[in-house]
């Protein structure tokens, strides 16, 4: 980390200067026309993407290839994870109602984009009795009706460990069920303070038991202060929970309010993690500095399907 400070206000407000990105963690911004075109279509239907809200470094590439990860249940999250730039929802201050048209609008946008692979994620809505699982399930059903030939991947929250909510989403018929672990258990209090490591593993294990034909997937970040041994332990825990696919990417600080990067992990270390995961029996391990949970999700799913044959 770099300890130098930069002034961010007229008073005595200071923040750590973010370290310079190494070349392997940089992504060029070259597809502004595609980016703006897709954003206009999303805004017309009042839709959101995690690509925008989480400031994903791959957004230009993905929007150019006509790919996006729809983020439902609103644009504000009831949790305050240290790595995430999504706006926060305080139920005592904000009364954010679900958009009843959102499931149909997601399906409409996916059809207009001619998607063959649709990824749906959401913010956490711990303020809702069902965690938003009915709305999530209805979105999956609408997409499957609109695009019966497309594959659908869901990236869900933990629903506070309520397995009936997880079952509700699975019963809607996604092809891939994804729930991210995000980091090693030692770092949860700092990175995911409102989540529980064992609870997230239980969600993935339940998905494997409840829907045997669904591909299960999970992702996490490195560069937050974890050790290689902790990464290997996390991969072992995921396999023990029956997870088929793992994604591993470099944490990049999205704003000065978020946790700083502790380390930029070298590409060769990502390759070592990939080889270790494959040796454990994962059907696919997508590991690299710019890998994100939903990045190239269609290709990762295809690889895992080939390994299943």
C-alpha atoms as a PDB file:
ATOM      1  CA  UNK A   1       0.000   0.000   0.000  1.00  0.00           C
ATOM      2  CA  UNK A   2       1.005   3.575  -0.528  1.00  0.00           C
ATOM      3  CA  UNK A   3       0.788   5.648   2.633  1.00  0.00           C
ATOM      4  CA  UNK A   4       0.889   9.127   1.081  1.00  0.00           C
ATOM      5  CA  UNK A   5      -2.214  11.279   1.494  1.00  0.00           C
ATOM      6  CA  UNK A   6      -4.142  13.549  -0.823  1.00  0.00           C
ATOM      7  CA  UNK A   7      -6.466  16.344   0.247  1.00  0.00           C
ATOM      8  CA  UNK A   8     -10.057  15.684  -0.815  1.00  0.00           C
ATOM      9  CA  UNK A   9     -11.760  18.732   0.661  1.00  0.00           C
ATOM     10  CA  UNK A  10     -11.163  22.287   1.704  1.00  0.00           C
ATOM     11  CA  UNK A  11     -10.840  21.282   5.359  1.00  0.00           C
ATOM     12  CA  UNK A  12      -8.759  18.614   7.039  1.00  0.00           C
ATOM     13  CA  UNK A  13     -10.247  15.684   5.110  1.00  0.00           C
ATOM     14  CA  UNK A  14      -7.618  13.313   3.812  1.00  0.00           C
ATOM     15  CA  UNK A  15      -7.715   9.900   2.180  1.00  0.00           C
ATOM     16  CA  UNK A  16      -4.976   7.418   1.270  1.00  0.00           C
ATOM     17  CA  UNK A  17      -3.701   7.805  -2.259  1.00  0.00           C
ATOM     18  CA  UNK A  18      -4.656   4.747  -4.253  1.00  0.00           C
ATOM     19  CA  UNK A  19      -1.701   2.761  -5.605  1.00  0.00           C
ATOM     20  CA  UNK A  20      -1.008   2.835  -9.316  1.00  0.00           C
ATOM     21  CA  UNK A  21      -2.458  -0.118 -11.175  1.00  0.00           C
ATOM     22  CA  UNK A  22       0.049  -2.551 -12.663  1.00  0.00           C
ATOM     23  CA  UNK A  23      -0.307  -3.139 -16.391  1.00  0.00           C
ATOM     24  CA  UNK A  24      -1.995  -6.506 -15.974  1.00  0.00           C
ATOM     25  CA  UNK A  25      -4.807  -4.963 -13.912  1.00  0.00           C
ATOM     26  CA  UNK A  26      -5.646  -2.221 -16.428  1.00  0.00           C
ATOM     27  CA  UNK A  27      -8.444  -2.274 -18.946  1.00  0.00           C
ATOM     28  CA  UNK A  28      -8.705   0.145 -21.850  1.00  0.00           C
ATOM     29  CA  UNK A  29     -11.888   2.189 -22.294  1.00  0.00           C
ATOM     30  CA  UNK A  30     -12.493   2.033 -26.016  1.00  0.00           C
ATOM     31  CA  UNK A  31     -16.167   1.314 -26.675  1.00  0.00           C
ATOM     32  CA  UNK A  32     -18.004   4.472 -25.634  1.00  0.00           C
ATOM     33  CA  UNK A  33     -20.605   4.209 -28.408  1.00  0.00           C
ATOM     34  CA  UNK A  34     -21.667   0.704 -27.340  1.00  0.00           C
ATOM     35  CA  UNK A  35     -21.607   1.775 -23.697  1.00  0.00           C
ATOM     36  CA  UNK A  36     -23.850   4.780 -24.228  1.00  0.00           C
ATOM     37  CA  UNK A  37     -26.253   2.939 -26.537  1.00  0.00           C
ATOM     38  CA  UNK A  38     -26.864   0.147 -24.044  1.00  0.00           C
ATOM     39  CA  UNK A  39     -27.155   2.572 -21.139  1.00  0.00           C
ATOM     40  CA  UNK A  40     -29.905   4.484 -22.964  1.00  0.00           C
ATOM     41  CA  UNK A  41     -31.903   1.305 -23.466  1.00  0.00           C
ATOM     42  CA  UNK A  42     -31.507   0.317 -19.824  1.00  0.00           C
ATOM     43  CA  UNK A  43     -32.576   3.731 -18.539  1.00  0.00           C
ATOM     44  CA  UNK A  44     -35.689   3.751 -20.747  1.00  0.00           C
ATOM     45  CA  UNK A  45     -36.863   0.603 -18.962  1.00  0.00           C
ATOM     46  CA  UNK A  46     -35.648   1.803 -15.534  1.00  0.00           C
ATOM     47  CA  UNK A  47     -33.182  -1.062 -15.315  1.00  0.00           C
ATOM     48  CA  UNK A  48     -29.830  -1.283 -13.568  1.00  0.00           C
ATOM     49  CA  UNK A  49     -26.703  -3.343 -14.117  1.00  0.00           C
ATOM     50  CA  UNK A  50     -24.101  -4.379 -11.585  1.00  0.00           C
ATOM     51  CA  UNK A  51     -21.580  -3.543 -14.312  1.00  0.00           C
ATOM     52  CA  UNK A  52     -22.348   0.147 -13.781  1.00  0.00           C
ATOM     53  CA  UNK A  53     -23.150   0.204 -10.074  1.00  0.00           C
ATOM     54  CA  UNK A  54     -20.036  -1.762  -9.061  1.00  0.00           C
ATOM     55  CA  UNK A  55     -17.804   0.122 -11.528  1.00  0.00           C
ATOM     56  CA  UNK A  56     -16.604  -3.037 -13.229  1.00  0.00           C
ATOM     57  CA  UNK A  57     -13.373  -2.572 -15.218  1.00  0.00           C
ATOM     58  CA  UNK A  58     -14.739  -4.810 -17.998  1.00  0.00           C
ATOM     59  CA  UNK A  59     -17.852  -2.749 -18.724  1.00  0.00           C
ATOM     60  CA  UNK A  60     -16.678  -1.390 -22.084  1.00  0.00           C
ATOM     61  CA  UNK A  61     -15.755  -4.843 -23.367  1.00  0.00           C
ATOM     62  CA  UNK A  62     -18.949  -6.508 -22.136  1.00  0.00           C
ATOM     63  CA  UNK A  63     -21.329  -3.803 -23.329  1.00  0.00           C
ATOM     64  CA  UNK A  64     -19.567  -3.869 -26.709  1.00  0.00           C
ATOM     65  CA  UNK A  65     -20.182  -7.606 -27.025  1.00  0.00           C
ATOM     66  CA  UNK A  66     -23.805  -7.089 -25.967  1.00  0.00           C
ATOM     67  CA  UNK A  67     -23.448  -8.587 -22.507  1.00  0.00           C
ATOM     68  CA  UNK A  68     -24.641  -7.156 -19.206  1.00  0.00           C
ATOM     69  CA  UNK A  69     -25.555  -8.401 -15.740  1.00  0.00           C
ATOM     70  CA  UNK A  70     -28.996  -7.162 -14.735  1.00  0.00           C
ATOM     71  CA  UNK A  71     -29.235  -5.962 -11.123  1.00  0.00           C
ATOM     72  CA  UNK A  72     -32.760  -6.198  -9.731  1.00  0.00           C
ATOM     73  CA  UNK A  73     -34.577  -5.272  -6.487  1.00  0.00           C
ATOM     74  CA  UNK A  74     -33.557  -1.620  -6.863  1.00  0.00           C
ATOM     75  CA  UNK A  75     -30.223   0.172  -6.919  1.00  0.00           C
ATOM     76  CA  UNK A  76     -29.686   0.461  -3.157  1.00  0.00           C
ATOM     77  CA  UNK A  77     -28.392  -2.308  -0.896  1.00  0.00           C
ATOM     78  CA  UNK A  78     -29.194  -2.853   2.775  1.00  0.00           C
ATOM     79  CA  UNK A  79     -25.639  -4.029   3.471  1.00  0.00           C
ATOM     80  CA  UNK A  80     -22.422  -2.064   3.696  1.00  0.00           C
ATOM     81  CA  UNK A  81     -19.705  -4.371   2.374  1.00  0.00           C
ATOM     82  CA  UNK A  82     -16.301  -2.733   2.434  1.00  0.00           C
ATOM     83  CA  UNK A  83     -15.443  -3.585  -1.168  1.00  0.00           C
ATOM     84  CA  UNK A  84     -18.690  -2.526  -2.854  1.00  0.00           C
ATOM     85  CA  UNK A  85     -19.636   0.844  -4.390  1.00  0.00           C
ATOM     86  CA  UNK A  86     -23.381   0.140  -4.749  1.00  0.00           C
ATOM     87  CA  UNK A  87     -25.474   2.793  -2.995  1.00  0.00           C
ATOM     88  CA  UNK A  88     -26.610   1.915   0.495  1.00  0.00           C
ATOM     89  CA  UNK A  89     -30.244   1.577   1.594  1.00  0.00           C
ATOM     90  CA  UNK A  90     -31.207   2.594   5.116  1.00  0.00           C
ATOM     91  CA  UNK A  91     -34.786   1.322   5.657  1.00  0.00           C
ATOM     92  CA  UNK A  92     -35.299   4.015   8.306  1.00  0.00           C
ATOM     93  CA  UNK A  93     -34.572   6.742   5.751  1.00  0.00           C
ATOM     94  CA  UNK A  94     -35.491   5.179   2.403  1.00  0.00           C
ATOM     95  CA  UNK A  95     -38.756   3.492   1.465  1.00  0.00           C
ATOM     96  CA  UNK A  96     -37.724   1.725  -1.733  1.00  0.00           C
ATOM     97  CA  UNK A  97     -40.624  -0.162  -3.267  1.00  0.00           C
ATOM     98  CA  UNK A  98     -40.037  -2.954  -5.749  1.00  0.00           C
ATOM     99  CA  UNK A  99     -40.819  -2.119  -9.372  1.00  0.00           C
ATOM    100  CA  UNK A 100     -43.596  -4.520 -10.367  1.00  0.00           C
ATOM    101  CA  UNK A 101     -42.649  -4.081 -14.021  1.00  0.00           C
ATOM    102  CA  UNK A 102     -38.999  -4.955 -13.474  1.00  0.00           C
ATOM    103  CA  UNK A 103     -39.221  -8.714 -14.196  1.00  0.00           C
ATOM    104  CA  UNK A 104     -40.989  -8.129 -17.513  1.00  0.00           C
ATOM    105  CA  UNK A 105     -38.653  -5.261 -18.400  1.00  0.00           C
ATOM    106  CA  UNK A 106     -35.566  -7.375 -17.761  1.00  0.00           C
ATOM    107  CA  UNK A 107     -37.010 -10.012 -20.083  1.00  0.00           C
ATOM    108  CA  UNK A 108     -37.832  -7.374 -22.693  1.00  0.00           C
ATOM    109  CA  UNK A 109     -34.323  -5.911 -22.596  1.00  0.00           C
ATOM    110  CA  UNK A 110     -32.745  -9.358 -22.774  1.00  0.00           C
ATOM    111  CA  UNK A 111     -34.881 -10.163 -25.819  1.00  0.00           C
ATOM    112  CA  UNK A 112     -34.007  -6.866 -27.512  1.00  0.00           C
ATOM    113  CA  UNK A 113     -30.316  -7.582 -26.894  1.00  0.00           C
ATOM    114  CA  UNK A 114     -30.837 -11.058 -28.398  1.00  0.00           C
ATOM    115  CA  UNK A 115     -29.052 -12.602 -25.444  1.00  0.00           C
ATOM    116  CA  UNK A 116     -28.285 -16.302 -25.500  1.00  0.00           C
ATOM    117  CA  UNK A 117     -27.013 -16.154 -21.915  1.00  0.00           C
ATOM    118  CA  UNK A 118     -28.699 -13.955 -19.300  1.00  0.00           C
ATOM    119  CA  UNK A 119     -27.163 -13.135 -15.907  1.00  0.00           C
ATOM    120  CA  UNK A 120     -29.407 -11.757 -13.159  1.00  0.00           C
ATOM    121  CA  UNK A 121     -28.135 -10.508  -9.811  1.00  0.00           C
ATOM    122  CA  UNK A 122     -29.532  -8.237  -7.126  1.00  0.00           C
ATOM    123  CA  UNK A 123     -28.756  -6.012  -4.210  1.00  0.00           C
ATOM    124  CA  UNK A 124     -29.406  -7.345  -0.713  1.00  0.00           C
ATOM    125  CA  UNK A 125     -32.890  -6.455   0.492  1.00  0.00           C
ATOM    126  CA  UNK A 126     -32.819  -7.537   4.123  1.00  0.00           C
ATOM    127  CA  UNK A 127     -35.694  -5.111   4.724  1.00  0.00           C
ATOM    128  CA  UNK A 128     -38.084  -7.394   2.809  1.00  0.00           C
ATOM    129  CA  UNK A 129     -39.674 -10.374   4.516  1.00  0.00           C
ATOM    130  CA  UNK A 130     -38.687 -12.754   1.717  1.00  0.00           C
ATOM    131  CA  UNK A 131     -35.444 -10.943   0.874  1.00  0.00           C
ATOM    132  CA  UNK A 132     -36.882 -10.230  -2.564  1.00  0.00           C
ATOM    133  CA  UNK A 133     -36.877 -13.903  -3.541  1.00  0.00           C
ATOM    134  CA  UNK A 134     -40.387 -13.870  -5.057  1.00  0.00           C
ATOM    135  CA  UNK A 135     -39.406 -10.936  -7.265  1.00  0.00           C
ATOM    136  CA  UNK A 136     -36.131 -12.666  -8.171  1.00  0.00           C
ATOM    137  CA  UNK A 137     -37.952 -15.876  -9.116  1.00  0.00           C
ATOM    138  CA  UNK A 138     -40.504 -14.009 -11.217  1.00  0.00           C
ATOM    139  CA  UNK A 139     -37.679 -12.297 -13.130  1.00  0.00           C
ATOM    140  CA  UNK A 140     -36.177 -15.688 -13.962  1.00  0.00           C
ATOM    141  CA  UNK A 141     -39.557 -16.990 -15.147  1.00  0.00           C
ATOM    142  CA  UNK A 142     -40.159 -13.914 -17.326  1.00  0.00           C
ATOM    143  CA  UNK A 143     -36.758 -14.257 -18.969  1.00  0.00           C
ATOM    144  CA  UNK A 144     -37.257 -17.960 -19.601  1.00  0.00           C
ATOM    145  CA  UNK A 145     -40.648 -17.271 -21.197  1.00  0.00           C
ATOM    146  CA  UNK A 146     -39.232 -14.504 -23.400  1.00  0.00           C
ATOM    147  CA  UNK A 147     -36.065 -16.393 -24.359  1.00  0.00           C
ATOM    148  CA  UNK A 148     -36.770 -20.133 -24.043  1.00  0.00           C
ATOM    149  CA  UNK A 149     -33.503 -21.066 -25.790  1.00  0.00           C
ATOM    150  CA  UNK A 150     -31.290 -18.874 -23.606  1.00  0.00           C
ATOM    151  CA  UNK A 151     -29.433 -20.067 -20.535  1.00  0.00           C
ATOM    152  CA  UNK A 152     -30.047 -18.144 -17.318  1.00  0.00           C
ATOM    153  CA  UNK A 153     -27.553 -17.608 -14.513  1.00  0.00           C
ATOM    154  CA  UNK A 154     -28.566 -16.129 -11.167  1.00  0.00           C
ATOM    155  CA  UNK A 155     -26.132 -14.504  -8.753  1.00  0.00           C
ATOM    156  CA  UNK A 156     -28.082 -14.297  -5.514  1.00  0.00           C
ATOM    157  CA  UNK A 157     -27.564 -12.823  -2.059  1.00  0.00           C
ATOM    158  CA  UNK A 158     -27.627 -15.182   0.928  1.00  0.00           C
ATOM    159  CA  UNK A 159     -31.242 -14.203   1.835  1.00  0.00           C
ATOM    160  CA  UNK A 160     -30.049 -14.145   5.465  1.00  0.00           C
ATOM    161  CA  UNK A 161     -29.675 -17.916   5.301  1.00  0.00           C
ATOM    162  CA  UNK A 162     -33.373 -18.549   4.554  1.00  0.00           C
ATOM    163  CA  UNK A 163     -33.195 -21.674   2.451  1.00  0.00           C
ATOM    164  CA  UNK A 164     -36.860 -21.451   1.450  1.00  0.00           C
ATOM    165  CA  UNK A 165     -35.957 -18.220  -0.363  1.00  0.00           C
ATOM    166  CA  UNK A 166     -33.034 -19.941  -2.085  1.00  0.00           C
ATOM    167  CA  UNK A 167     -35.348 -22.801  -3.102  1.00  0.00           C
ATOM    168  CA  UNK A 168     -37.851 -20.310  -4.511  1.00  0.00           C
ATOM    169  CA  UNK A 169     -35.253 -18.906  -6.893  1.00  0.00           C
ATOM    170  CA  UNK A 170     -33.988 -22.362  -7.859  1.00  0.00           C
ATOM    171  CA  UNK A 171     -37.518 -23.596  -8.551  1.00  0.00           C
ATOM    172  CA  UNK A 172     -37.933 -20.817 -11.133  1.00  0.00           C
ATOM    173  CA  UNK A 173     -35.522 -22.752 -13.343  1.00  0.00           C
ATOM    174  CA  UNK A 174     -32.119 -21.065 -13.686  1.00  0.00           C
ATOM    175  CA  UNK A 175     -29.413 -23.109 -15.360  1.00  0.00           C
ATOM    176  CA  UNK A 176     -26.609 -21.756 -13.154  1.00  0.00           C
ATOM    177  CA  UNK A 177     -26.837 -20.796  -9.470  1.00  0.00           C
ATOM    178  CA  UNK A 178     -24.116 -18.429  -8.281  1.00  0.00           C
ATOM    179  CA  UNK A 179     -23.516 -17.111  -4.786  1.00  0.00           C
ATOM    180  CA  UNK A 180     -20.244 -15.340  -4.066  1.00  0.00           C
ATOM    181  CA  UNK A 181     -18.074 -16.026  -1.027  1.00  0.00           C
ATOM    182  CA  UNK A 182     -16.090 -12.819  -1.790  1.00  0.00           C
ATOM    183  CA  UNK A 183     -13.146 -13.439   0.574  1.00  0.00           C
ATOM    184  CA  UNK A 184     -11.500 -15.675   3.171  1.00  0.00           C
ATOM    185  CA  UNK A 185     -13.323 -16.151   6.513  1.00  0.00           C
ATOM    186  CA  UNK A 186     -10.702 -14.218   8.534  1.00  0.00           C
ATOM    187  CA  UNK A 187     -11.524 -11.054   6.565  1.00  0.00           C
ATOM    188  CA  UNK A 188     -15.323 -11.235   6.786  1.00  0.00           C
ATOM    189  CA  UNK A 189     -15.651  -8.752   9.640  1.00  0.00           C
ATOM    190  CA  UNK A 190     -13.949  -6.133   7.498  1.00  0.00           C
ATOM    191  CA  UNK A 191     -15.036  -7.105   3.987  1.00  0.00           C
ATOM    192  CA  UNK A 192     -18.539  -8.576   4.543  1.00  0.00           C
ATOM    193  CA  UNK A 193     -19.510  -7.494   8.085  1.00  0.00           C
ATOM    194  CA  UNK A 194     -23.214  -8.400   7.681  1.00  0.00           C
ATOM    195  CA  UNK A 195     -22.557 -11.811   6.150  1.00  0.00           C
ATOM    196  CA  UNK A 196     -21.423 -15.158   7.511  1.00  0.00           C
ATOM    197  CA  UNK A 197     -18.888 -17.442   5.843  1.00  0.00           C
ATOM    198  CA  UNK A 198     -20.519 -20.698   6.933  1.00  0.00           C
ATOM    199  CA  UNK A 199     -23.966 -19.420   5.978  1.00  0.00           C
ATOM    200  CA  UNK A 200     -22.803 -18.678   2.449  1.00  0.00           C
ATOM    201  CA  UNK A 201     -21.319 -22.170   2.156  1.00  0.00           C
ATOM    202  CA  UNK A 202     -24.626 -23.594   3.391  1.00  0.00           C
ATOM    203  CA  UNK A 203     -26.485 -21.697   0.653  1.00  0.00           C
ATOM    204  CA  UNK A 204     -24.256 -23.271  -1.996  1.00  0.00           C
ATOM    205  CA  UNK A 205     -24.516 -26.750  -0.461  1.00  0.00           C
ATOM    206  CA  UNK A 206     -28.302 -26.432  -0.320  1.00  0.00           C
ATOM    207  CA  UNK A 207     -28.440 -25.378  -3.979  1.00  0.00           C
ATOM    208  CA  UNK A 208     -26.497 -28.514  -4.907  1.00  0.00           C
ATOM    209  CA  UNK A 209     -28.894 -30.734  -2.927  1.00  0.00           C
ATOM    210  CA  UNK A 210     -32.095 -28.994  -4.004  1.00  0.00           C
ATOM    211  CA  UNK A 211     -31.399 -28.764  -7.741  1.00  0.00           C
ATOM    212  CA  UNK A 212     -28.974 -31.484  -8.761  1.00  0.00           C
ATOM    213  CA  UNK A 213     -29.042 -30.506 -12.443  1.00  0.00           C
ATOM    214  CA  UNK A 214     -28.130 -26.870 -11.856  1.00  0.00           C
ATOM    215  CA  UNK A 215     -24.507 -25.765 -12.205  1.00  0.00           C
ATOM    216  CA  UNK A 216     -23.312 -24.180  -8.943  1.00  0.00           C
ATOM    217  CA  UNK A 217     -20.785 -21.375  -8.935  1.00  0.00           C
ATOM    218  CA  UNK A 218     -19.050 -18.978  -6.552  1.00  0.00           C
ATOM    219  CA  UNK A 219     -16.522 -16.176  -6.823  1.00  0.00           C
ATOM    220  CA  UNK A 220     -14.107 -14.342  -4.578  1.00  0.00           C
ATOM    221  CA  UNK A 221     -11.503 -11.585  -4.695  1.00  0.00           C
ATOM    222  CA  UNK A 222      -7.834 -11.565  -3.813  1.00  0.00           C
ATOM    223  CA  UNK A 223      -5.654  -8.625  -2.839  1.00  0.00           C
ATOM    224  CA  UNK A 224      -7.574  -7.838   0.351  1.00  0.00           C
ATOM    225  CA  UNK A 225      -4.943  -9.257   2.695  1.00  0.00           C
ATOM    226  CA  UNK A 226      -5.645 -12.978   2.415  1.00  0.00           C
ATOM    227  CA  UNK A 227      -2.801 -15.487   2.268  1.00  0.00           C
ATOM    228  CA  UNK A 228      -2.322 -18.168  -0.430  1.00  0.00           C
ATOM    229  CA  UNK A 229      -3.104 -20.824   2.177  1.00  0.00           C
ATOM    230  CA  UNK A 230      -6.409 -19.083   2.949  1.00  0.00           C
ATOM    231  CA  UNK A 231      -7.272 -19.041  -0.764  1.00  0.00           C
ATOM    232  CA  UNK A 232      -6.563 -22.749  -1.020  1.00  0.00           C
ATOM    233  CA  UNK A 233      -8.700 -23.399   2.066  1.00  0.00           C
ATOM    234  CA  UNK A 234     -11.555 -21.400   0.533  1.00  0.00           C
ATOM    235  CA  UNK A 235     -11.334 -23.459  -2.654  1.00  0.00           C
ATOM    236  CA  UNK A 236     -11.423 -26.676  -0.606  1.00  0.00           C
ATOM    237  CA  UNK A 237     -14.479 -25.463   1.304  1.00  0.00           C
ATOM    238  CA  UNK A 238     -16.264 -24.612  -1.942  1.00  0.00           C
ATOM    239  CA  UNK A 239     -15.602 -28.063  -3.368  1.00  0.00           C
ATOM    240  CA  UNK A 240     -16.764 -29.687  -0.143  1.00  0.00           C
ATOM    241  CA  UNK A 241     -20.036 -27.750  -0.578  1.00  0.00           C
ATOM    242  CA  UNK A 242     -20.421 -29.217  -4.059  1.00  0.00           C
ATOM    243  CA  UNK A 243     -19.578 -26.069  -6.007  1.00  0.00           C
ATOM    244  CA  UNK A 244     -18.836 -26.733  -9.687  1.00  0.00           C
ATOM    245  CA  UNK A 245     -17.261 -23.442 -10.825  1.00  0.00           C
ATOM    246  CA  UNK A 246     -15.004 -20.917  -9.084  1.00  0.00           C
ATOM    247  CA  UNK A 247     -14.059 -17.433 -10.262  1.00  0.00           C
ATOM    248  CA  UNK A 248     -11.105 -15.533  -8.781  1.00  0.00           C
ATOM    249  CA  UNK A 249     -10.267 -11.897  -9.524  1.00  0.00           C
ATOM    250  CA  UNK A 250      -8.165  -9.009  -8.248  1.00  0.00           C
ATOM    251  CA  UNK A 251      -9.912  -6.588  -5.890  1.00  0.00           C
ATOM    252  CA  UNK A 252      -9.766  -3.039  -7.244  1.00  0.00           C
ATOM    253  CA  UNK A 253     -10.828  -0.204  -4.950  1.00  0.00           C
ATOM    254  CA  UNK A 254     -13.871   1.349  -6.694  1.00  0.00           C
ATOM    255  CA  UNK A 255     -13.988   4.598  -4.678  1.00  0.00           C
ATOM    256  CA  UNK A 256     -11.956   6.253  -1.921  1.00  0.00           C
ATOM    257  CA  UNK A 257     -14.688   5.249   0.539  1.00  0.00           C
ATOM    258  CA  UNK A 258     -13.998   1.569  -0.026  1.00  0.00           C
ATOM    259  CA  UNK A 259     -11.331  -0.697   1.397  1.00  0.00           C
ATOM    260  CA  UNK A 260      -7.824  -0.106   0.031  1.00  0.00           C
ATOM    261  CA  UNK A 261      -6.030  -2.688  -2.066  1.00  0.00           C
ATOM    262  CA  UNK A 262      -3.550  -4.538   0.149  1.00  0.00           C
ATOM    263  CA  UNK A 263      -1.748  -6.328  -2.685  1.00  0.00           C
ATOM    264  CA  UNK A 264      -1.780  -6.631  -6.459  1.00  0.00           C
ATOM    265  CA  UNK A 265      -1.552 -10.364  -7.048  1.00  0.00           C
ATOM    266  CA  UNK A 266       0.755 -11.442  -9.869  1.00  0.00           C
ATOM    267  CA  UNK A 267      -0.780 -13.272 -12.858  1.00  0.00           C
ATOM    268  CA  UNK A 268       1.309 -16.365 -12.137  1.00  0.00           C
ATOM    269  CA  UNK A 269      -0.354 -16.667  -8.716  1.00  0.00           C
ATOM    270  CA  UNK A 270      -3.783 -16.612 -10.358  1.00  0.00           C
ATOM    271  CA  UNK A 271      -2.640 -19.468 -12.596  1.00  0.00           C
ATOM    272  CA  UNK A 272      -1.474 -21.426  -9.551  1.00  0.00           C
ATOM    273  CA  UNK A 273      -4.893 -20.966  -7.938  1.00  0.00           C
ATOM    274  CA  UNK A 274      -6.566 -22.155 -11.153  1.00  0.00           C
ATOM    275  CA  UNK A 275      -4.446 -25.296 -11.304  1.00  0.00           C
ATOM    276  CA  UNK A 276      -5.052 -26.015  -7.619  1.00  0.00           C
ATOM    277  CA  UNK A 277      -8.818 -25.639  -8.064  1.00  0.00           C
ATOM    278  CA  UNK A 278      -8.907 -27.931 -11.081  1.00  0.00           C
ATOM    279  CA  UNK A 279      -6.919 -30.526  -9.130  1.00  0.00           C
ATOM    280  CA  UNK A 280      -9.637 -30.382  -6.444  1.00  0.00           C
ATOM    281  CA  UNK A 281     -12.254 -31.334  -9.026  1.00  0.00           C
ATOM    282  CA  UNK A 282     -13.873 -28.047 -10.070  1.00  0.00           C
ATOM    283  CA  UNK A 283     -15.386 -28.275 -13.556  1.00  0.00           C
ATOM    284  CA  UNK A 284     -14.003 -24.821 -14.332  1.00  0.00           C
ATOM    285  CA  UNK A 285     -11.847 -22.255 -12.540  1.00  0.00           C
ATOM    286  CA  UNK A 286     -11.724 -18.797 -14.124  1.00  0.00           C
ATOM    287  CA  UNK A 287      -8.824 -17.003 -12.462  1.00  0.00           C
ATOM    288  CA  UNK A 288      -7.124 -13.750 -13.431  1.00  0.00           C
ATOM    289  CA  UNK A 289      -6.655 -10.104 -12.406  1.00  0.00           C
ATOM    290  CA  UNK A 290      -9.691  -8.792 -14.326  1.00  0.00           C
ATOM    291  CA  UNK A 291     -11.957 -11.787 -13.748  1.00  0.00           C
ATOM    292  CA  UNK A 292     -15.296 -10.931 -12.196  1.00  0.00           C
ATOM    293  CA  UNK A 293     -18.058 -13.273 -11.096  1.00  0.00           C
ATOM    294  CA  UNK A 294     -20.183 -12.680 -14.196  1.00  0.00           C
ATOM    295  CA  UNK A 295     -17.401 -11.848 -16.661  1.00  0.00           C
ATOM    296  CA  UNK A 296     -17.522 -14.165 -19.700  1.00  0.00           C
ATOM    297  CA  UNK A 297     -20.130 -16.169 -17.771  1.00  0.00           C
ATOM    298  CA  UNK A 298     -21.392 -17.803 -20.962  1.00  0.00           C
ATOM    299  CA  UNK A 299     -17.954 -19.152 -21.885  1.00  0.00           C
ATOM    300  CA  UNK A 300     -17.242 -20.317 -18.330  1.00  0.00           C
ATOM    301  CA  UNK A 301     -20.576 -22.155 -18.279  1.00  0.00           C
ATOM    302  CA  UNK A 302     -19.796 -23.823 -21.600  1.00  0.00           C
ATOM    303  CA  UNK A 303     -16.440 -25.011 -20.282  1.00  0.00           C
ATOM    304  CA  UNK A 304     -18.061 -26.460 -17.165  1.00  0.00           C
ATOM    305  CA  UNK A 305     -20.716 -28.199 -19.259  1.00  0.00           C
ATOM    306  CA  UNK A 306     -18.040 -29.827 -21.422  1.00  0.00           C
ATOM    307  CA  UNK A 307     -16.331 -31.134 -18.306  1.00  0.00           C
ATOM    308  CA  UNK A 308     -19.663 -32.603 -17.159  1.00  0.00           C
ATOM    309  CA  UNK A 309     -19.998 -34.716 -20.300  1.00  0.00           C
END
